[in-house]
Amino acid sequence: MRIDKLLANLGYGSRKEVKKLLKSGAVKIDGETVKDAKKHVDPKINQVTVHGETVEYKEFIYLMMNKPQGVLSATEDAYQETVLDLLELEDAIYKPFPVGRLDKDTEGLLLLTNDGQLAHRLLSPKKHVPKTYFAVIDGEVTEKDVEAFRKGVTLDDGYLTKPGELKILKSGIRSDIELTITEGKFHQVKRMFEAVGKRVVYLKRISMGPLRLDEDLELGEYRELTDEEIESLQNYEAK
């Protein structure tokens, strides 16, 4: 790609600012000063430096976020804060997008990437990628509910869900549960519990396929995926 496009994409300024940077002699390709903005470069082969610092190029970015409540799983919104607003500029310039959505009042694991192919694979209904949630339920969750979820429950619009795996962690006036589902209908976890006469009061996604939320991430924090995590997502085949 052109050297000016590469540097602009990596946050070194607008095309106009990058042209000034080139004219100043600050940019080198393989040790040779380059002033021509149209000069082509292969960032995977050539070494590009700006003021002597090597430019780190990557085509794709993969981020794990612990999404807080009150933030939209969207790329932009005119009135409300989105998960992209939580990113540092150095990550935002790659234009990542959330893989799937979490409701505004739901916390937990959210994957952001600009790798459209991987996102499509993880979101394809044919892939049945499991997603696990921790929830606090207003009401006593029983084995009867576990059995109902195992068969699939009928939502308020008449849709029969695919089987869900419900684990009771604590049962009482308020119950703690984990629920694993393989589809992502609108407000699905909340609506599944409404179908058995109970209400979700807190919801957090803890895993998606092979990817598990890093418990060291505070709400609103994120980090890049490790090479192992990226590989596990790329090679993942749902059972």
C-alpha atoms as a PDB file:
ATOM      1  CA  MET A   1       0.000   0.000   0.000  1.00  0.00           C
ATOM      2  CA  ARG A   2       1.028   3.637  -0.336  1.00  0.00           C
ATOM      3  CA  ILE A   3       3.230   4.907   2.475  1.00  0.00           C
ATOM      4  CA  ASP A   4       0.909   7.871   3.194  1.00  0.00           C
ATOM      5  CA  LYS A   5      -2.120   5.553   3.508  1.00  0.00           C
ATOM      6  CA  LEU A   6      -0.223   3.183   5.810  1.00  0.00           C
ATOM      7  CA  LEU A   7       0.896   5.970   8.153  1.00  0.00           C
ATOM      8  CA  ALA A   8      -2.532   7.651   8.160  1.00  0.00           C
ATOM      9  CA  ASN A   9      -4.195   4.311   8.973  1.00  0.00           C
ATOM     10  CA  LEU A  10      -1.796   3.829  11.883  1.00  0.00           C
ATOM     11  CA  GLY A  11      -2.669   7.186  13.423  1.00  0.00           C
ATOM     12  CA  TYR A  12       0.312   9.306  12.358  1.00  0.00           C
ATOM     13  CA  GLY A  13      -2.093  12.029  11.262  1.00  0.00           C
ATOM     14  CA  SER A  14      -4.320  12.936   8.327  1.00  0.00           C
ATOM     15  CA  ARG A  15      -3.035  12.363   4.772  1.00  0.00           C
ATOM     16  CA  LYS A  16      -2.075  16.062   4.713  1.00  0.00           C
ATOM     17  CA  GLU A  17      -0.160  15.771   8.021  1.00  0.00           C
ATOM     18  CA  VAL A  18       1.547  12.580   6.850  1.00  0.00           C
ATOM     19  CA  LYS A  19       2.709  14.335   3.658  1.00  0.00           C
ATOM     20  CA  LYS A  20       4.370  17.001   5.852  1.00  0.00           C
ATOM     21  CA  LEU A  21       5.976  14.250   7.913  1.00  0.00           C
ATOM     22  CA  LEU A  22       7.363  12.656   4.743  1.00  0.00           C
ATOM     23  CA  LYS A  23       8.688  15.982   3.415  1.00  0.00           C
ATOM     24  CA  SER A  24      10.514  16.558   6.700  1.00  0.00           C
ATOM     25  CA  GLY A  25      12.598  13.429   6.053  1.00  0.00           C
ATOM     26  CA  ALA A  26      11.350  11.663   9.213  1.00  0.00           C
ATOM     27  CA  VAL A  27      10.208   8.514   7.383  1.00  0.00           C
ATOM     28  CA  LYS A  28      12.502   5.728   6.200  1.00  0.00           C
ATOM     29  CA  ILE A  29      11.823   2.445   4.415  1.00  0.00           C
ATOM     30  CA  ASP A  30      14.552  -0.141   5.006  1.00  0.00           C
ATOM     31  CA  GLY A  31      16.893   2.656   6.116  1.00  0.00           C
ATOM     32  CA  GLU A  32      16.284   4.860   3.061  1.00  0.00           C
ATOM     33  CA  THR A  33      14.602   8.237   3.560  1.00  0.00           C
ATOM     34  CA  VAL A  34      11.302   8.461   1.655  1.00  0.00           C
ATOM     35  CA  LYS A  35       9.583  11.753   0.813  1.00  0.00           C
ATOM     36  CA  ASP A  36       7.214  10.571  -1.934  1.00  0.00           C
ATOM     37  CA  ALA A  37       3.726   9.969  -0.501  1.00  0.00           C
ATOM     38  CA  LYS A  38       2.890   7.644  -3.413  1.00  0.00           C
ATOM     39  CA  LYS A  39       5.777   5.265  -2.643  1.00  0.00           C
ATOM     40  CA  HIS A  40       4.459   1.734  -2.176  1.00  0.00           C
ATOM     41  CA  VAL A  41       5.498  -0.374   0.776  1.00  0.00           C
ATOM     42  CA  ASP A  42       4.749  -3.907   1.980  1.00  0.00           C
ATOM     43  CA  PRO A  43       4.575  -3.555   5.779  1.00  0.00           C
ATOM     44  CA  LYS A  44       4.983  -7.315   6.200  1.00  0.00           C
ATOM     45  CA  ILE A  45       8.344  -7.252   4.392  1.00  0.00           C
ATOM     46  CA  ASN A  46       9.735  -3.708   4.598  1.00  0.00           C
ATOM     47  CA  GLN A  47      10.852  -1.985   7.792  1.00  0.00           C
ATOM     48  CA  VAL A  48       9.249   1.430   8.145  1.00  0.00           C
ATOM     49  CA  THR A  49      10.557   3.919  10.712  1.00  0.00           C
ATOM     50  CA  VAL A  50       9.300   7.360  11.781  1.00  0.00           C
ATOM     51  CA  HIS A  51      11.867   9.489  13.652  1.00  0.00           C
ATOM     52  CA  GLY A  52      13.896   6.292  14.079  1.00  0.00           C
ATOM     53  CA  GLU A  53      11.046   4.372  15.733  1.00  0.00           C
ATOM     54  CA  THR A  54       9.898   1.197  13.960  1.00  0.00           C
ATOM     55  CA  VAL A  55       6.274   1.295  12.815  1.00  0.00           C
ATOM     56  CA  GLU A  56       4.359  -1.730  14.144  1.00  0.00           C
ATOM     57  CA  TYR A  57       1.893  -2.833  11.502  1.00  0.00           C
ATOM     58  CA  LYS A  58      -0.874  -5.349  11.916  1.00  0.00           C
ATOM     59  CA  GLU A  59      -3.818  -5.957   9.649  1.00  0.00           C
ATOM     60  CA  PHE A  60      -6.243  -7.184  12.298  1.00  0.00           C
ATOM     61  CA  ILE A  61      -6.857  -6.313  15.917  1.00  0.00           C
ATOM     62  CA  TYR A  62      -8.564  -8.586  18.460  1.00  0.00           C
ATOM     63  CA  LEU A  63      -9.715  -7.083  21.767  1.00  0.00           C
ATOM     64  CA  MET A  64     -11.408  -8.594  24.812  1.00  0.00           C
ATOM     65  CA  MET A  65     -13.472  -6.096  26.798  1.00  0.00           C
ATOM     66  CA  ASN A  66     -15.240  -6.398  30.122  1.00  0.00           C
ATOM     67  CA  LYS A  67     -18.238  -4.335  29.052  1.00  0.00           C
ATOM     68  CA  PRO A  68     -19.820  -2.219  31.787  1.00  0.00           C
ATOM     69  CA  GLN A  69     -23.539  -1.528  32.173  1.00  0.00           C
ATOM     70  CA  GLY A  70     -24.886   1.595  30.496  1.00  0.00           C
ATOM     71  CA  VAL A  71     -22.693   1.325  27.380  1.00  0.00           C
ATOM     72  CA  LEU A  72     -24.058   0.316  23.969  1.00  0.00           C
ATOM     73  CA  SER A  73     -22.583  -2.584  21.950  1.00  0.00           C
ATOM     74  CA  ALA A  74     -22.480  -0.438  18.807  1.00  0.00           C
ATOM     75  CA  THR A  75     -19.916   1.332  16.663  1.00  0.00           C
ATOM     76  CA  GLU A  76     -21.585   4.735  16.995  1.00  0.00           C
ATOM     77  CA  ASP A  77     -24.571   6.464  18.538  1.00  0.00           C
ATOM     78  CA  ALA A  78     -25.508  10.123  18.430  1.00  0.00           C
ATOM     79  CA  TYR A  79     -26.613  10.297  22.056  1.00  0.00           C
ATOM     80  CA  GLN A  80     -25.196   7.422  24.105  1.00  0.00           C
ATOM     81  CA  GLU A  81     -21.727   6.100  24.908  1.00  0.00           C
ATOM     82  CA  THR A  82     -20.675   3.053  22.913  1.00  0.00           C
ATOM     83  CA  VAL A  83     -18.000   0.427  23.534  1.00  0.00           C
ATOM     84  CA  LEU A  84     -15.831   2.111  20.882  1.00  0.00           C
ATOM     85  CA  ASP A  85     -15.772   5.256  23.015  1.00  0.00           C
ATOM     86  CA  LEU A  86     -13.896   3.210  25.646  1.00  0.00           C
ATOM     87  CA  LEU A  87     -10.997   2.448  23.270  1.00  0.00           C
ATOM     88  CA  GLU A  88      -7.643   4.237  23.152  1.00  0.00           C
ATOM     89  CA  LEU A  89      -7.013   6.049  19.852  1.00  0.00           C
ATOM     90  CA  GLU A  90      -4.186   3.623  18.968  1.00  0.00           C
ATOM     91  CA  ASP A  91      -6.748   0.780  18.968  1.00  0.00           C
ATOM     92  CA  ALA A  92      -9.741   2.728  17.630  1.00  0.00           C
ATOM     93  CA  ILE A  93      -7.867   3.583  14.394  1.00  0.00           C
ATOM     94  CA  TYR A  94      -8.184  -0.077  13.342  1.00  0.00           C
ATOM     95  CA  LYS A  95     -11.967   0.426  13.291  1.00  0.00           C
ATOM     96  CA  PRO A  96     -12.891  -2.688  15.285  1.00  0.00           C
ATOM     97  CA  PHE A  97     -16.543  -3.563  15.847  1.00  0.00           C
ATOM     98  CA  PRO A  98     -18.305  -5.678  18.491  1.00  0.00           C
ATOM     99  CA  VAL A  99     -18.814  -9.335  17.584  1.00  0.00           C
ATOM    100  CA  GLY A 100     -22.474  -9.726  18.510  1.00  0.00           C
ATOM    101  CA  ARG A 101     -24.173  -7.547  21.082  1.00  0.00           C
ATOM    102  CA  LEU A 102     -24.663  -7.332  24.786  1.00  0.00           C
ATOM    103  CA  ASP A 103     -27.708  -5.447  26.061  1.00  0.00           C
ATOM    104  CA  LYS A 104     -27.033  -1.991  27.453  1.00  0.00           C
ATOM    105  CA  ASP A 105     -27.543  -3.204  31.046  1.00  0.00           C
ATOM    106  CA  THR A 106     -25.546  -6.438  30.583  1.00  0.00           C
ATOM    107  CA  GLU A 107     -21.899  -6.702  31.616  1.00  0.00           C
ATOM    108  CA  GLY A 108     -19.059  -8.983  30.661  1.00  0.00           C
ATOM    109  CA  LEU A 109     -17.206 -10.502  27.768  1.00  0.00           C
ATOM    110  CA  LEU A 110     -17.312  -8.617  24.491  1.00  0.00           C
ATOM    111  CA  LEU A 111     -14.995  -9.374  21.576  1.00  0.00           C
ATOM    112  CA  LEU A 112     -14.080  -6.476  19.272  1.00  0.00           C
ATOM    113  CA  THR A 113     -12.219  -7.005  16.011  1.00  0.00           C
ATOM    114  CA  ASN A 114     -11.911  -5.764  12.435  1.00  0.00           C
ATOM    115  CA  ASP A 115     -11.580  -9.354  11.194  1.00  0.00           C
ATOM    116  CA  GLY A 116     -14.926  -9.686   9.411  1.00  0.00           C
ATOM    117  CA  GLN A 117     -14.351 -13.294   8.421  1.00  0.00           C
ATOM    118  CA  LEU A 118     -13.792 -14.431  12.004  1.00  0.00           C
ATOM    119  CA  ALA A 119     -16.761 -12.380  13.243  1.00  0.00           C
ATOM    120  CA  HIS A 120     -19.018 -13.969  10.620  1.00  0.00           C
ATOM    121  CA  ARG A 121     -17.923 -17.466  11.647  1.00  0.00           C
ATOM    122  CA  LEU A 122     -18.575 -16.800  15.328  1.00  0.00           C
ATOM    123  CA  LEU A 123     -21.986 -15.217  14.695  1.00  0.00           C
ATOM    124  CA  SER A 124     -23.287 -17.619  12.048  1.00  0.00           C
ATOM    125  CA  PRO A 125     -26.433 -19.390  13.335  1.00  0.00           C
ATOM    126  CA  LYS A 126     -25.174 -22.546  11.607  1.00  0.00           C
ATOM    127  CA  LYS A 127     -22.113 -22.648  13.864  1.00  0.00           C
ATOM    128  CA  HIS A 128     -24.044 -22.882  17.171  1.00  0.00           C
ATOM    129  CA  VAL A 129     -21.247 -21.135  19.089  1.00  0.00           C
ATOM    130  CA  PRO A 130     -22.103 -21.449  22.826  1.00  0.00           C
ATOM    131  CA  LYS A 131     -22.262 -18.365  25.029  1.00  0.00           C
ATOM    132  CA  THR A 132     -22.300 -18.699  28.816  1.00  0.00           C
ATOM    133  CA  TYR A 133     -23.834 -16.146  31.173  1.00  0.00           C
ATOM    134  CA  PHE A 134     -23.812 -15.670  34.929  1.00  0.00           C
ATOM    135  CA  ALA A 135     -27.071 -14.253  36.227  1.00  0.00           C
ATOM    136  CA  VAL A 136     -28.812 -13.337  39.457  1.00  0.00           C
ATOM    137  CA  ILE A 137     -32.479 -14.294  39.340  1.00  0.00           C
ATOM    138  CA  ASP A 138     -35.318 -12.842  41.374  1.00  0.00           C
ATOM    139  CA  GLY A 139     -36.995 -16.080  42.465  1.00  0.00           C
ATOM    140  CA  GLU A 140     -36.074 -19.643  43.312  1.00  0.00           C
ATOM    141  CA  VAL A 141     -34.590 -21.511  40.354  1.00  0.00           C
ATOM    142  CA  THR A 142     -35.369 -25.231  40.566  1.00  0.00           C
ATOM    143  CA  GLU A 143     -34.600 -28.513  38.801  1.00  0.00           C
ATOM    144  CA  LYS A 144     -37.930 -28.051  37.026  1.00  0.00           C
ATOM    145  CA  ASP A 145     -36.448 -24.945  35.360  1.00  0.00           C
ATOM    146  CA  VAL A 146     -33.271 -26.864  34.473  1.00  0.00           C
ATOM    147  CA  GLU A 147     -35.413 -29.471  32.709  1.00  0.00           C
ATOM    148  CA  ALA A 148     -37.522 -26.822  30.943  1.00  0.00           C
ATOM    149  CA  PHE A 149     -34.404 -25.072  29.623  1.00  0.00           C
ATOM    150  CA  ARG A 150     -32.949 -28.395  28.504  1.00  0.00           C
ATOM    151  CA  LYS A 151     -36.000 -28.922  26.282  1.00  0.00           C
ATOM    152  CA  GLY A 152     -36.173 -25.295  25.134  1.00  0.00           C
ATOM    153  CA  VAL A 153     -38.741 -22.739  26.290  1.00  0.00           C
ATOM    154  CA  THR A 154     -41.344 -20.772  24.359  1.00  0.00           C
ATOM    155  CA  LEU A 155     -40.699 -17.024  24.374  1.00  0.00           C
ATOM    156  CA  ASP A 156     -43.341 -14.297  24.469  1.00  0.00           C
ATOM    157  CA  ASP A 157     -43.477 -14.149  20.645  1.00  0.00           C
ATOM    158  CA  GLY A 158     -44.086 -17.907  20.329  1.00  0.00           C
ATOM    159  CA  TYR A 159     -40.477 -18.769  19.404  1.00  0.00           C
ATOM    160  CA  LEU A 160     -39.246 -22.094  20.839  1.00  0.00           C
ATOM    161  CA  THR A 161     -35.601 -21.701  21.884  1.00  0.00           C
ATOM    162  CA  LYS A 162     -32.916 -24.256  21.250  1.00  0.00           C
ATOM    163  CA  PRO A 163     -31.952 -26.272  24.375  1.00  0.00           C
ATOM    164  CA  GLY A 164     -30.059 -24.317  27.034  1.00  0.00           C
ATOM    165  CA  GLU A 165     -27.802 -25.726  29.742  1.00  0.00           C
ATOM    166  CA  LEU A 166     -28.853 -24.242  33.098  1.00  0.00           C
ATOM    167  CA  LYS A 167     -26.683 -24.705  36.197  1.00  0.00           C
ATOM    168  CA  ILE A 168     -27.941 -23.665  39.620  1.00  0.00           C
ATOM    169  CA  LEU A 169     -25.096 -22.176  41.683  1.00  0.00           C
ATOM    170  CA  LYS A 170     -27.292 -20.966  44.545  1.00  0.00           C
ATOM    171  CA  SER A 171     -31.038 -21.321  44.949  1.00  0.00           C
ATOM    172  CA  GLY A 172     -33.249 -19.157  47.164  1.00  0.00           C
ATOM    173  CA  ILE A 173     -35.325 -15.979  47.144  1.00  0.00           C
ATOM    174  CA  ARG A 174     -32.526 -14.818  44.846  1.00  0.00           C
ATOM    175  CA  SER A 175     -30.746 -17.473  42.817  1.00  0.00           C
ATOM    176  CA  ASP A 176     -27.323 -17.478  41.140  1.00  0.00           C
ATOM    177  CA  ILE A 177     -27.119 -19.428  37.897  1.00  0.00           C
ATOM    178  CA  GLU A 178     -25.012 -20.069  34.819  1.00  0.00           C
ATOM    179  CA  LEU A 179     -26.754 -20.494  31.492  1.00  0.00           C
ATOM    180  CA  THR A 180     -25.203 -21.658  28.221  1.00  0.00           C
ATOM    181  CA  ILE A 181     -27.115 -21.010  24.991  1.00  0.00           C
ATOM    182  CA  THR A 182     -26.179 -21.377  21.315  1.00  0.00           C
ATOM    183  CA  GLU A 183     -28.301 -18.613  19.797  1.00  0.00           C
ATOM    184  CA  GLY A 184     -28.723 -14.908  20.401  1.00  0.00           C
ATOM    185  CA  LYS A 185     -32.304 -13.724  20.136  1.00  0.00           C
ATOM    186  CA  PHE A 186     -33.115 -10.209  21.393  1.00  0.00           C
ATOM    187  CA  HIS A 187     -32.942 -10.167  25.253  1.00  0.00           C
ATOM    188  CA  GLN A 188     -32.912 -13.960  25.075  1.00  0.00           C
ATOM    189  CA  VAL A 189     -31.692 -14.834  28.589  1.00  0.00           C
ATOM    190  CA  LYS A 190     -34.162 -12.434  30.211  1.00  0.00           C
ATOM    191  CA  ARG A 191     -37.024 -13.708  28.072  1.00  0.00           C
ATOM    192  CA  MET A 192     -36.186 -17.352  28.788  1.00  0.00           C
ATOM    193  CA  PHE A 193     -36.501 -16.700  32.506  1.00  0.00           C
ATOM    194  CA  GLU A 194     -39.688 -14.703  31.986  1.00  0.00           C
ATOM    195  CA  ALA A 195     -41.058 -17.804  30.217  1.00  0.00           C
ATOM    196  CA  VAL A 196     -40.712 -19.729  33.504  1.00  0.00           C
ATOM    197  CA  GLY A 197     -42.065 -16.862  35.622  1.00  0.00           C
ATOM    198  CA  LYS A 198     -38.804 -15.406  36.900  1.00  0.00           C
ATOM    199  CA  ARG A 199     -36.863 -12.165  36.448  1.00  0.00           C
ATOM    200  CA  VAL A 200     -33.182 -11.533  35.708  1.00  0.00           C
ATOM    201  CA  VAL A 201     -31.812  -8.776  37.962  1.00  0.00           C
ATOM    202  CA  TYR A 202     -28.128  -9.008  36.953  1.00  0.00           C
ATOM    203  CA  LEU A 203     -26.537 -10.473  33.831  1.00  0.00           C
ATOM    204  CA  LYS A 204     -22.924 -10.977  32.827  1.00  0.00           C
ATOM    205  CA  ARG A 205     -21.470 -12.904  29.884  1.00  0.00           C
ATOM    206  CA  ILE A 206     -18.486 -14.985  30.952  1.00  0.00           C
ATOM    207  CA  SER A 207     -17.578 -16.934  27.819  1.00  0.00           C
ATOM    208  CA  MET A 208     -18.083 -17.193  24.074  1.00  0.00           C
ATOM    209  CA  GLY A 209     -16.905 -20.365  22.375  1.00  0.00           C
ATOM    210  CA  PRO A 210     -13.383 -21.060  23.666  1.00  0.00           C
ATOM    211  CA  LEU A 211     -12.880 -17.467  24.858  1.00  0.00           C
ATOM    212  CA  ARG A 212     -13.365 -16.822  28.579  1.00  0.00           C
ATOM    213  CA  LEU A 213     -13.550 -13.417  30.249  1.00  0.00           C
ATOM    214  CA  ASP A 214     -10.276 -12.414  31.888  1.00  0.00           C
ATOM    215  CA  GLU A 215     -11.312 -11.801  35.502  1.00  0.00           C
ATOM    216  CA  ASP A 216      -8.387  -9.366  35.908  1.00  0.00           C
ATOM    217  CA  LEU A 217     -10.159  -6.910  33.604  1.00  0.00           C
ATOM    218  CA  GLU A 218     -12.096  -4.273  35.527  1.00  0.00           C
ATOM    219  CA  LEU A 219     -15.411  -3.103  34.068  1.00  0.00           C
ATOM    220  CA  GLY A 220     -14.668  -0.902  31.043  1.00  0.00           C
ATOM    221  CA  GLU A 221     -11.140  -2.287  30.644  1.00  0.00           C
ATOM    222  CA  TYR A 222      -9.914  -4.305  27.682  1.00  0.00           C
ATOM    223  CA  ARG A 223      -6.807  -6.005  26.384  1.00  0.00           C
ATOM    224  CA  GLU A 224      -5.551  -7.567  23.165  1.00  0.00           C
ATOM    225  CA  LEU A 225      -6.106 -11.289  22.805  1.00  0.00           C
ATOM    226  CA  THR A 226      -3.063 -13.527  23.156  1.00  0.00           C
ATOM    227  CA  ASP A 227      -1.843 -15.461  20.115  1.00  0.00           C
ATOM    228  CA  GLU A 228      -3.231 -18.631  21.739  1.00  0.00           C
ATOM    229  CA  GLU A 229      -6.670 -17.073  22.210  1.00  0.00           C
ATOM    230  CA  ILE A 230      -6.756 -15.846  18.596  1.00  0.00           C
ATOM    231  CA  GLU A 231      -5.737 -19.285  17.343  1.00  0.00           C
ATOM    232  CA  SER A 232      -8.381 -20.999  19.486  1.00  0.00           C
ATOM    233  CA  LEU A 233     -11.086 -18.747  17.972  1.00  0.00           C
ATOM    234  CA  GLN A 234      -9.840 -19.254  14.418  1.00  0.00           C
ATOM    235  CA  ASN A 235      -9.758 -23.042  14.821  1.00  0.00           C
ATOM    236  CA  TYR A 236     -12.932 -23.340  16.867  1.00  0.00           C
ATOM    237  CA  GLU A 237     -15.580 -25.780  15.769  1.00  0.00           C
ATOM    238  CA  ALA A 238     -18.736 -25.963  17.902  1.00  0.00           C
ATOM    239  CA  LYS A 239     -19.813 -29.459  18.875  1.00  0.00           C
END
